[in-house]
Protein backbone atom coordinates (compact mmCIF):
# COMPACT_ATOMS: atom_id res chain seq x y z
CA MET A 1 284.39 -82.75 -58.16
CA SER A 2 288.11 -83.62 -57.90
CA HIS A 3 289.46 -86.90 -56.60
CA ARG A 4 290.87 -84.99 -53.63
CA THR A 5 287.45 -83.51 -52.81
CA TRP A 6 285.80 -86.94 -53.05
CA ALA A 7 288.43 -88.34 -50.73
CA ILE A 8 287.72 -85.63 -48.16
CA VAL A 9 283.94 -86.22 -48.40
CA LEU A 10 284.34 -89.97 -48.03
CA ALA A 11 286.70 -89.50 -45.10
CA ILE A 12 284.23 -87.22 -43.34
CA ALA A 13 281.36 -89.63 -44.03
CA GLY A 14 283.42 -92.53 -42.77
CA ALA A 15 284.37 -90.66 -39.62
CA ALA A 16 280.73 -89.75 -38.99
CA ALA A 17 279.64 -93.34 -39.48
CA ALA A 18 282.36 -94.56 -37.15
CA ALA A 19 281.38 -91.99 -34.53
CA ALA A 20 277.73 -93.03 -34.78
CA GLN A 21 278.71 -96.70 -34.51
CA ASN A 22 280.90 -95.98 -31.48
CA SER A 23 278.07 -94.02 -29.87
CA THR A 24 275.65 -96.90 -30.44
CA SER A 25 278.18 -99.40 -29.13
CA ALA A 26 278.74 -97.32 -25.99
CA ALA A 27 274.98 -97.07 -25.40
CA ASN A 28 274.66 -100.84 -25.76
CA VAL A 29 277.43 -101.42 -23.22
CA GLU A 30 275.75 -98.96 -20.86
CA ALA A 31 272.49 -100.85 -21.33
CA PHE A 32 274.22 -104.13 -20.49
CA GLU A 33 275.74 -102.68 -17.34
CA LYS A 34 272.43 -101.20 -16.23
CA VAL A 35 270.59 -104.50 -16.63
CA TRP A 36 273.33 -106.46 -14.88
CA SER A 37 273.72 -104.06 -11.94
CA THR A 38 269.97 -103.57 -11.48
CA ILE A 39 269.43 -107.30 -11.05
CA ARG A 40 272.47 -107.56 -8.77
CA ASP A 41 271.23 -104.75 -6.52
CA LYS A 42 267.44 -105.13 -6.57
CA HIS A 43 266.61 -108.82 -6.96
CA TRP A 44 264.89 -110.21 -3.85
CA ASP A 45 267.34 -113.13 -3.71
CA PRO A 46 270.94 -111.88 -3.22
CA LYS A 47 272.20 -115.28 -4.39
CA LEU A 48 270.08 -115.12 -7.57
CA GLY A 49 269.11 -118.75 -7.24
CA GLY A 50 272.73 -119.88 -7.46
CA VAL A 51 273.58 -118.08 -10.72
CA ASP A 52 277.17 -116.77 -10.71
CA TRP A 53 276.27 -113.22 -11.70
CA GLN A 54 279.83 -111.88 -11.87
CA ALA A 55 280.88 -114.73 -14.12
CA THR A 56 277.84 -114.05 -16.28
CA HIS A 57 278.93 -110.42 -16.59
CA ASP A 58 282.49 -111.31 -17.50
CA GLU A 59 281.33 -113.82 -20.09
CA LEU A 60 278.71 -111.72 -21.85
CA ARG A 61 280.08 -108.17 -21.82
CA PRO A 62 282.69 -108.91 -24.53
CA LYS A 63 279.89 -110.30 -26.70
CA VAL A 64 277.95 -107.05 -26.31
CA GLU A 65 281.05 -105.04 -27.20
CA ALA A 66 281.49 -107.12 -30.35
CA ALA A 67 277.81 -107.22 -31.35
CA LYS A 68 277.07 -105.88 -34.84
CA SER A 69 273.41 -104.94 -34.36
CA ASP A 70 270.88 -103.84 -31.77
CA ALA A 71 269.03 -107.11 -32.27
CA ALA A 72 272.19 -109.05 -31.41
CA VAL A 73 272.66 -107.00 -28.23
CA ARG A 74 269.04 -107.59 -27.29
CA GLU A 75 269.51 -111.32 -27.74
CA ILE A 76 272.56 -111.30 -25.45
CA LEU A 77 270.73 -109.31 -22.77
CA ASN A 78 267.77 -111.67 -22.91
CA GLU A 79 270.17 -114.58 -22.62
CA MET A 80 271.59 -112.98 -19.47
CA VAL A 81 268.26 -112.37 -17.73
CA GLY A 82 267.05 -115.76 -18.98
CA ARG A 83 269.62 -117.47 -16.78
CA LEU A 84 267.51 -116.45 -13.78
CA LYS A 85 264.75 -118.73 -15.13
CA GLN A 86 262.09 -116.34 -13.83
CA THR A 87 259.24 -114.45 -15.42
CA HIS A 88 258.89 -110.68 -15.62
CA PHE A 89 262.52 -110.21 -16.61
CA GLY A 90 263.08 -109.25 -20.22
CA ILE A 91 264.34 -106.84 -22.86
CA PHE A 92 262.18 -105.55 -25.68
CA PRO A 93 262.78 -103.17 -28.62
CA GLY A 94 262.53 -99.43 -28.27
CA ASP A 95 259.61 -99.18 -30.71
CA VAL A 96 257.60 -101.54 -28.52
CA TYR A 97 258.53 -99.42 -25.49
CA HIS A 98 257.12 -96.47 -27.42
CA ASP A 99 253.91 -98.41 -28.13
CA LEU A 100 253.51 -99.16 -24.43
CA ASP A 101 254.07 -95.52 -23.45
CA ALA A 102 252.14 -93.29 -25.83
CA SER A 103 251.88 -90.39 -23.41
CA GLY A 104 253.84 -88.12 -25.71
CA GLU A 105 251.45 -88.57 -28.64
CA HIS A 106 248.53 -86.58 -27.24
CA ASP A 107 247.58 -83.91 -24.76
CA SER A 108 248.78 -84.81 -21.30
CA GLY A 109 246.15 -85.67 -18.72
CA ASP A 110 243.94 -88.49 -17.56
CA ALA A 111 240.62 -87.22 -18.93
CA ASP A 112 238.91 -89.84 -21.08
CA ILE A 113 235.85 -90.63 -23.20
CA GLY A 114 234.14 -92.74 -20.53
CA ILE A 115 234.57 -96.34 -21.65
CA ASP A 116 236.27 -99.53 -20.58
CA LEU A 117 237.84 -101.79 -23.17
CA ARG A 118 239.62 -105.07 -23.79
CA VAL A 119 241.63 -106.34 -26.74
CA ILE A 120 239.90 -109.56 -27.80
CA ASP A 121 241.02 -111.62 -30.80
CA GLY A 122 243.27 -108.79 -31.92
CA ARG A 123 240.62 -106.05 -31.80
CA ALA A 124 240.16 -103.32 -29.20
CA LEU A 125 236.53 -103.68 -28.10
CA VAL A 126 234.40 -101.43 -25.94
CA THR A 127 233.32 -103.54 -22.95
CA GLU A 128 231.45 -100.86 -21.02
CA VAL A 129 230.20 -97.33 -21.58
CA TYR A 130 229.95 -95.34 -18.36
CA PRO A 131 226.75 -93.38 -17.63
CA ALA A 132 226.78 -89.67 -18.51
CA SER A 133 230.06 -90.09 -20.39
CA PRO A 134 231.17 -88.45 -23.67
CA ALA A 135 231.02 -91.84 -25.41
CA GLY A 136 227.58 -92.60 -24.00
CA ALA A 137 226.24 -89.23 -25.14
CA LYS A 138 227.35 -90.03 -28.70
CA GLY A 139 225.72 -93.47 -28.70
CA VAL A 140 228.82 -95.65 -28.43
CA LYS A 141 227.89 -99.22 -27.42
CA PRO A 142 229.65 -102.25 -25.88
CA GLY A 143 231.02 -104.50 -28.59
CA TRP A 144 232.04 -101.69 -30.90
CA ALA A 145 235.61 -102.08 -32.16
CA ILE A 146 238.06 -99.17 -31.94
CA LEU A 147 239.79 -98.82 -35.31
CA ARG A 148 241.50 -95.43 -35.18
CA ILE A 149 242.29 -92.82 -32.54
CA GLY A 150 243.04 -89.44 -34.04
CA ALA A 151 245.37 -89.98 -36.98
CA HIS A 152 246.64 -93.35 -35.77
CA ASP A 153 245.34 -96.83 -36.58
CA VAL A 154 245.03 -99.09 -33.56
CA ALA A 155 245.70 -102.39 -35.36
CA PRO A 156 249.47 -101.92 -35.95
CA VAL A 157 250.05 -101.07 -32.28
CA VAL A 158 248.08 -104.11 -31.17
CA SER A 159 249.91 -106.31 -33.66
CA ARG A 160 253.39 -105.25 -32.53
CA ILE A 161 252.59 -105.75 -28.85
CA ARG A 162 250.97 -109.14 -29.49
CA GLU A 163 254.01 -110.27 -31.43
CA GLN A 164 256.52 -109.11 -28.83
CA PHE A 165 254.61 -110.38 -25.78
CA ALA A 166 252.84 -113.40 -27.25
CA ASP A 167 254.09 -115.66 -24.46
CA SER A 168 253.69 -113.14 -21.65
CA SER A 169 250.94 -113.34 -19.04
CA LEU A 170 250.95 -109.53 -19.13
CA LEU A 171 249.78 -109.40 -22.74
CA ASP A 172 246.16 -108.44 -21.99
CA LEU A 173 247.21 -105.75 -19.53
CA ARG A 174 249.76 -104.24 -21.91
CA LEU A 175 247.34 -104.24 -24.83
CA ASN A 176 244.70 -102.56 -22.70
CA ARG A 177 247.04 -99.83 -21.47
CA ALA A 178 248.40 -99.16 -24.96
CA VAL A 179 244.92 -98.33 -26.25
CA VAL A 180 243.65 -96.59 -23.10
CA THR A 181 246.58 -94.16 -22.97
CA ARG A 182 245.89 -93.12 -26.56
CA LEU A 183 242.32 -92.27 -25.64
CA GLN A 184 243.36 -90.12 -22.68
CA GLY A 185 244.26 -86.45 -22.72
CA SER A 186 243.56 -83.14 -21.06
CA GLU A 187 240.03 -82.33 -19.92
CA GLY A 188 238.11 -80.56 -22.68
CA SER A 189 240.43 -81.72 -25.46
CA ALA A 190 238.91 -83.27 -28.58
CA VAL A 191 239.66 -86.64 -30.12
CA MET A 192 238.27 -88.40 -33.16
CA VAL A 193 237.67 -92.12 -32.67
CA GLU A 194 236.70 -94.37 -35.55
CA PHE A 195 234.59 -97.36 -34.48
CA LEU A 196 233.21 -100.46 -36.15
CA ASP A 197 229.63 -100.56 -34.88
CA GLY A 198 227.31 -103.52 -34.27
CA SER A 199 226.37 -103.61 -37.96
CA ASN A 200 230.05 -103.60 -38.98
CA ARG A 201 229.86 -100.05 -40.29
CA LYS A 202 232.74 -97.66 -39.77
CA ILE A 203 231.67 -94.61 -37.77
CA ALA A 204 233.89 -91.63 -36.98
CA VAL A 205 232.87 -90.03 -33.69
CA ASP A 206 234.19 -86.68 -32.47
CA LEU A 207 234.46 -86.77 -28.68
CA VAL A 208 235.46 -84.23 -26.05
CA ARG A 209 237.38 -85.77 -23.18
CA ALA A 210 235.89 -85.34 -19.71
CA ALA A 211 237.19 -85.82 -16.18
CA PRO A 212 237.52 -89.53 -15.42
CA ARG A 213 234.98 -91.35 -13.32
CA GLY A 214 235.42 -91.24 -9.53
CA LYS A 215 237.49 -89.11 -7.19
CA LEU A 216 241.22 -88.57 -7.13
CA ALA A 217 243.29 -90.46 -4.57
CA ARG A 218 247.01 -90.08 -3.94
CA LEU A 219 249.55 -92.63 -2.73
CA GLY A 220 253.00 -91.36 -1.74
CA ASN A 221 254.71 -89.60 -4.63
CA LEU A 222 252.45 -91.13 -7.27
CA PRO A 223 250.25 -88.74 -9.24
CA PRO A 224 246.58 -88.50 -8.23
CA THR A 225 244.62 -91.47 -9.55
CA PRO A 226 240.86 -91.66 -10.23
CA THR A 227 239.18 -94.16 -7.89
CA TRP A 228 235.63 -95.42 -7.59
CA SER A 229 233.76 -98.27 -5.95
CA GLU A 230 230.17 -99.44 -6.18
CA TRP A 231 227.81 -102.14 -5.03
CA ARG A 232 224.31 -103.25 -5.91
CA ARG A 233 221.87 -106.03 -5.19
CA LEU A 234 221.28 -108.17 -8.26
CA PRO A 235 217.73 -109.35 -9.09
CA GLN A 236 218.70 -112.86 -7.97
CA ASP A 237 219.27 -111.60 -4.38
CA ILE A 238 223.03 -111.65 -4.87
CA GLY A 239 225.34 -108.87 -3.75
CA TYR A 240 227.72 -107.38 -6.32
CA VAL A 241 230.79 -105.28 -5.45
CA ARG A 242 233.20 -103.67 -7.90
CA PHE A 243 236.00 -101.10 -7.61
CA ASN A 244 238.59 -99.96 -10.11
CA ILE A 245 241.76 -99.92 -7.97
CA PHE A 246 243.01 -100.63 -4.43
CA LEU A 247 243.90 -97.02 -3.68
CA ASP A 248 241.11 -95.50 -1.59
CA PRO A 249 240.92 -97.21 1.84
CA ASP A 250 238.13 -95.00 3.18
CA GLY A 251 235.98 -95.14 0.06
CA LEU A 252 236.40 -98.89 -0.31
CA ALA A 253 235.63 -99.52 3.37
CA LYS A 254 232.45 -97.43 3.08
CA THR A 255 231.31 -99.35 0.00
CA MET A 256 231.96 -102.71 1.67
CA GLU A 257 230.10 -101.66 4.81
CA GLU A 258 227.10 -100.50 2.78
CA ALA A 259 227.12 -103.73 0.79
CA MET A 260 227.14 -105.86 3.91
CA LYS A 261 224.34 -103.89 5.55
CA GLY A 262 222.22 -103.92 2.41
CA CYS A 263 222.83 -107.52 1.47
CA ARG A 264 223.45 -109.47 4.66
CA ASP A 265 220.55 -111.78 3.80
CA CYS A 266 221.70 -112.29 0.19
CA ARG A 267 222.21 -115.83 -1.02
CA GLY A 268 225.72 -114.98 -2.26
CA PHE A 269 228.21 -112.29 -3.24
CA VAL A 270 230.10 -111.48 -6.42
CA LEU A 271 233.39 -109.60 -6.09
CA ASP A 272 234.30 -108.19 -9.52
CA LEU A 273 238.05 -107.62 -9.87
CA ARG A 274 238.15 -107.57 -13.67
CA GLY A 275 240.35 -104.77 -14.94
CA ASN A 276 241.56 -103.90 -11.44
CA PRO A 277 245.36 -103.38 -11.68
CA GLY A 278 246.01 -103.57 -7.93
CA GLY A 279 247.34 -100.85 -5.66
CA ILE A 280 247.84 -100.93 -1.89
CA GLY A 281 248.61 -104.56 -1.02
CA GLY A 282 247.27 -104.31 2.52
CA LEU A 283 243.75 -103.59 1.25
CA ALA A 284 243.52 -107.19 0.02
CA MET A 285 243.56 -108.33 3.64
CA GLY A 286 240.92 -105.77 4.55
CA VAL A 287 238.52 -106.88 1.82
CA ALA A 288 239.10 -110.57 2.60
CA GLY A 289 238.13 -109.88 6.21
CA TRP A 290 234.54 -109.24 5.12
CA PHE A 291 234.20 -112.84 3.94
CA THR A 292 235.68 -115.07 6.67
CA ASP A 293 235.30 -115.54 10.41
CA LYS A 294 238.47 -117.59 10.90
CA SER A 295 241.45 -115.90 12.57
CA GLY A 296 245.02 -116.55 11.49
CA GLN A 297 244.31 -117.21 7.82
CA GLN A 298 246.70 -115.79 5.21
CA LEU A 299 246.33 -114.85 1.57
CA GLY A 300 250.04 -115.48 1.02
CA THR A 301 253.55 -114.18 1.67
CA GLU A 302 255.72 -111.64 -0.17
CA TYR A 303 259.51 -111.94 -0.09
CA LEU A 304 261.68 -108.88 -0.68
CA ARG A 305 265.40 -108.45 -0.15
CA GLY A 306 265.78 -108.48 3.63
CA MET A 307 262.05 -108.46 4.36
CA THR A 308 259.09 -110.86 4.52
CA LEU A 309 255.48 -109.68 4.46
CA LYS A 310 252.64 -112.00 5.50
CA PHE A 311 249.18 -111.11 4.19
CA VAL A 312 247.17 -112.04 7.29
CA ILE A 313 243.37 -111.76 7.17
CA PHE A 314 241.61 -110.02 10.06
CA PRO A 315 237.92 -111.04 10.11
CA ARG A 316 235.27 -108.37 10.51
CA PRO A 317 232.78 -108.61 13.42
CA ARG A 318 229.91 -109.68 11.13
CA PRO A 319 231.37 -111.10 7.91
CA PHE A 320 229.38 -112.59 5.05
CA LEU A 321 229.87 -116.37 5.05
CA GLY A 322 227.68 -117.42 2.13
CA PRO A 323 228.86 -118.39 -1.39
CA LEU A 324 231.46 -115.99 -2.79
CA ALA A 325 232.33 -115.70 -6.49
CA VAL A 326 235.27 -113.62 -7.72
CA LEU A 327 235.47 -112.39 -11.32
CA VAL A 328 238.94 -111.96 -12.85
CA ASP A 329 240.56 -111.45 -16.24
CA GLY A 330 243.92 -110.72 -17.84
CA CYS A 331 243.76 -107.12 -16.62
CA SER A 332 243.39 -108.16 -12.96
CA ALA A 333 246.85 -107.66 -11.51
CA SER A 334 248.91 -107.26 -8.35
CA THR A 335 246.67 -106.80 -5.29
CA SER A 336 243.69 -108.17 -7.25
CA GLU A 337 245.58 -111.41 -7.81
CA ILE A 338 246.70 -111.58 -4.19
CA LEU A 339 243.08 -111.27 -3.05
CA ALA A 340 241.55 -113.59 -5.65
CA GLY A 341 244.27 -116.23 -5.43
CA GLY A 342 244.33 -116.18 -1.65
CA LEU A 343 240.55 -116.48 -1.28
CA LYS A 344 240.64 -119.43 -3.66
CA ASP A 345 243.54 -121.08 -1.80
CA ILE A 346 241.82 -120.95 1.59
CA GLY A 347 238.69 -122.44 0.04
CA ARG A 348 236.60 -119.32 0.50
CA ALA A 349 235.83 -118.32 -3.11
CA ARG A 350 235.29 -119.72 -6.58
CA LEU A 351 236.93 -117.82 -9.45
CA PHE A 352 235.29 -117.10 -12.82
CA GLY A 353 236.72 -115.53 -15.97
CA THR A 354 240.21 -115.82 -17.41
CA ARG A 355 243.68 -116.11 -15.94
CA THR A 356 244.97 -112.98 -14.25
CA ALA A 357 248.03 -111.00 -15.36
CA ALA A 358 250.44 -113.00 -13.16
CA ALA A 359 251.89 -109.67 -12.06
CA ALA A 360 251.61 -109.98 -8.31
CA LEU A 361 255.14 -108.73 -7.86
CA PRO A 362 256.34 -105.15 -7.85
CA SER A 363 257.51 -105.05 -11.47
CA VAL A 364 259.29 -102.13 -13.12
CA ILE A 365 259.86 -101.20 -16.77
CA ASP A 366 262.83 -98.90 -17.35
CA ARG A 367 264.16 -97.41 -20.55
CA LEU A 368 267.77 -98.39 -21.23
CA PRO A 369 270.48 -96.05 -22.57
CA ASN A 370 270.16 -97.66 -26.02
CA GLY A 371 266.40 -97.01 -26.11
CA ASP A 372 265.23 -100.56 -25.40
CA GLY A 373 262.85 -101.43 -22.58
CA PHE A 374 263.89 -103.49 -19.53
CA GLN A 375 261.37 -105.17 -17.26
CA TYR A 376 262.37 -106.62 -13.90
CA ALA A 377 260.70 -107.72 -10.67
CA ILE A 378 261.95 -106.81 -7.19
CA ALA A 379 260.03 -109.28 -5.02
CA ASN A 380 258.51 -112.76 -4.99
CA TYR A 381 255.02 -113.63 -3.83
CA ILE A 382 253.82 -117.09 -2.81
CA SER A 383 250.07 -117.54 -2.48
CA GLN A 384 248.70 -119.53 0.43
CA GLY A 385 248.39 -122.59 -1.80
CA GLY A 386 252.17 -122.73 -2.04
CA LYS A 387 252.56 -121.53 -5.63
CA PRO A 388 253.89 -118.21 -6.89
CA LEU A 389 251.39 -115.94 -8.59
CA GLU A 390 254.24 -114.50 -10.62
CA GLY A 391 254.17 -116.04 -14.07
CA LEU A 392 251.20 -118.26 -13.20
CA GLY A 393 248.48 -115.89 -12.09
CA ALA A 394 245.25 -116.76 -10.35
CA ILE A 395 243.60 -119.52 -12.37
CA PRO A 396 239.79 -119.45 -12.59
CA ASP A 397 237.86 -122.47 -11.37
CA GLN A 398 235.59 -121.89 -14.34
CA GLU A 399 237.10 -120.26 -17.40
CA VAL A 400 234.72 -117.90 -19.16
CA ARG A 401 235.93 -115.96 -22.20
CA LEU A 402 234.31 -112.86 -23.63
CA THR A 403 233.40 -112.43 -27.31
CA ARG A 404 232.34 -109.47 -29.41
CA GLU A 405 229.01 -111.12 -30.14
CA GLN A 406 228.23 -111.40 -26.43
CA LEU A 407 229.13 -107.75 -25.88
CA LEU A 408 226.91 -106.63 -28.75
CA GLN A 409 224.06 -108.63 -27.20
CA GLY A 410 224.59 -106.95 -23.83
CA LYS A 411 225.70 -110.16 -22.13
CA ASP A 412 228.25 -110.65 -19.34
CA PRO A 413 229.06 -114.38 -19.45
CA ALA A 414 231.44 -114.40 -16.47
CA LEU A 415 228.88 -112.69 -14.22
CA ASP A 416 226.14 -114.98 -15.54
CA ALA A 417 228.24 -118.06 -14.73
CA ALA A 418 228.94 -116.77 -11.22
CA VAL A 419 225.25 -116.07 -10.58
CA THR A 420 224.29 -119.55 -11.81
CA TRP A 421 226.84 -121.16 -9.48
CA ILE A 422 225.62 -119.19 -6.47
CA GLN A 423 222.02 -120.14 -7.23
CA GLU A 424 223.05 -123.81 -7.25
CA GLN A 425 224.53 -123.62 -3.75
CA LYS A 426 222.51 -124.58 -0.70
CA LYS A 427 221.44 -121.76 1.58
């Protein structure tokens, strides 16, 4: 090849590289502007706590324009949102965004294999196998570890999310969703899941996804969401109520009414909010009304831009006034935290489990023009005790952590602790 030809090739390559660099630089500037303007327009406090937001823009945009790498841009953006000194504002790499949203890796749909799970000590563990589920039919048990879903190992996904969100109260919730979404797909579709069973043997199980538990409920423009609620009377004469989401007012009201009628003479109640991600905020007030006879009490107050919402409790005609235990964990979020934290603050309930997700605020994750993820909150919530749930969460009165060994033995330590406490209370 002649010197002239080499010169042409190098010139073309250089031009292509420059074009790619300019494109990346433009996307980074667009990302900066989107983050800055979103906070300016949507933050609940127009004054941003006294931060001069325009000055921040004018100071940091030139640094973004001059940045030599995506990591450098990310650092500048995190510096900008960090000046708010608030949680639930942050920038994270595009590959982590992909890990959090795996919907494009499998058949679309919300059919599943019929289990609940938590990531404990870095491993995705089955915490419950639903009756008449695909997993139950194949002999899957609580405590089994999920190693592989289809062709993908679970460990690298868990590791990346743990590294990126190590200091985030949302870690448990994000880990859970990352694994759950990989197990979901269209009804009737097949998925191979490799487990580590109770004897630490690797077992590959072929499963056919089935319709999720419960009935579909719809809220506004959101897609239909499976909802279910249940109650039972425990052998210790203690009522137990559990529901997966605050999205079915009629169904939840019916379950609560049945629980009260069937357990009015019970020595206590357990309200299990573990894994409940929230939903309709007003339902927290409705549920709380079953457990107090005092008018005018509040769970807390939410502050949005130009609006204040007070979560006032309206007592039911015949509420249950005995001991009340509430179970929570790192996957209890939003409305679950409002209810649990508020009941604790007014002295009505004792909390058992682990700290909640500290995600009581409406929080959004958007994808930026450069591919990175951007999380931001649009409201502030102060529980009745005077502290924000955002970033702090609802703190259990008695911390109870779950282990794989307990799951393999069929134990539920948080529920056991709650039952023991209720039994210790005077009738």
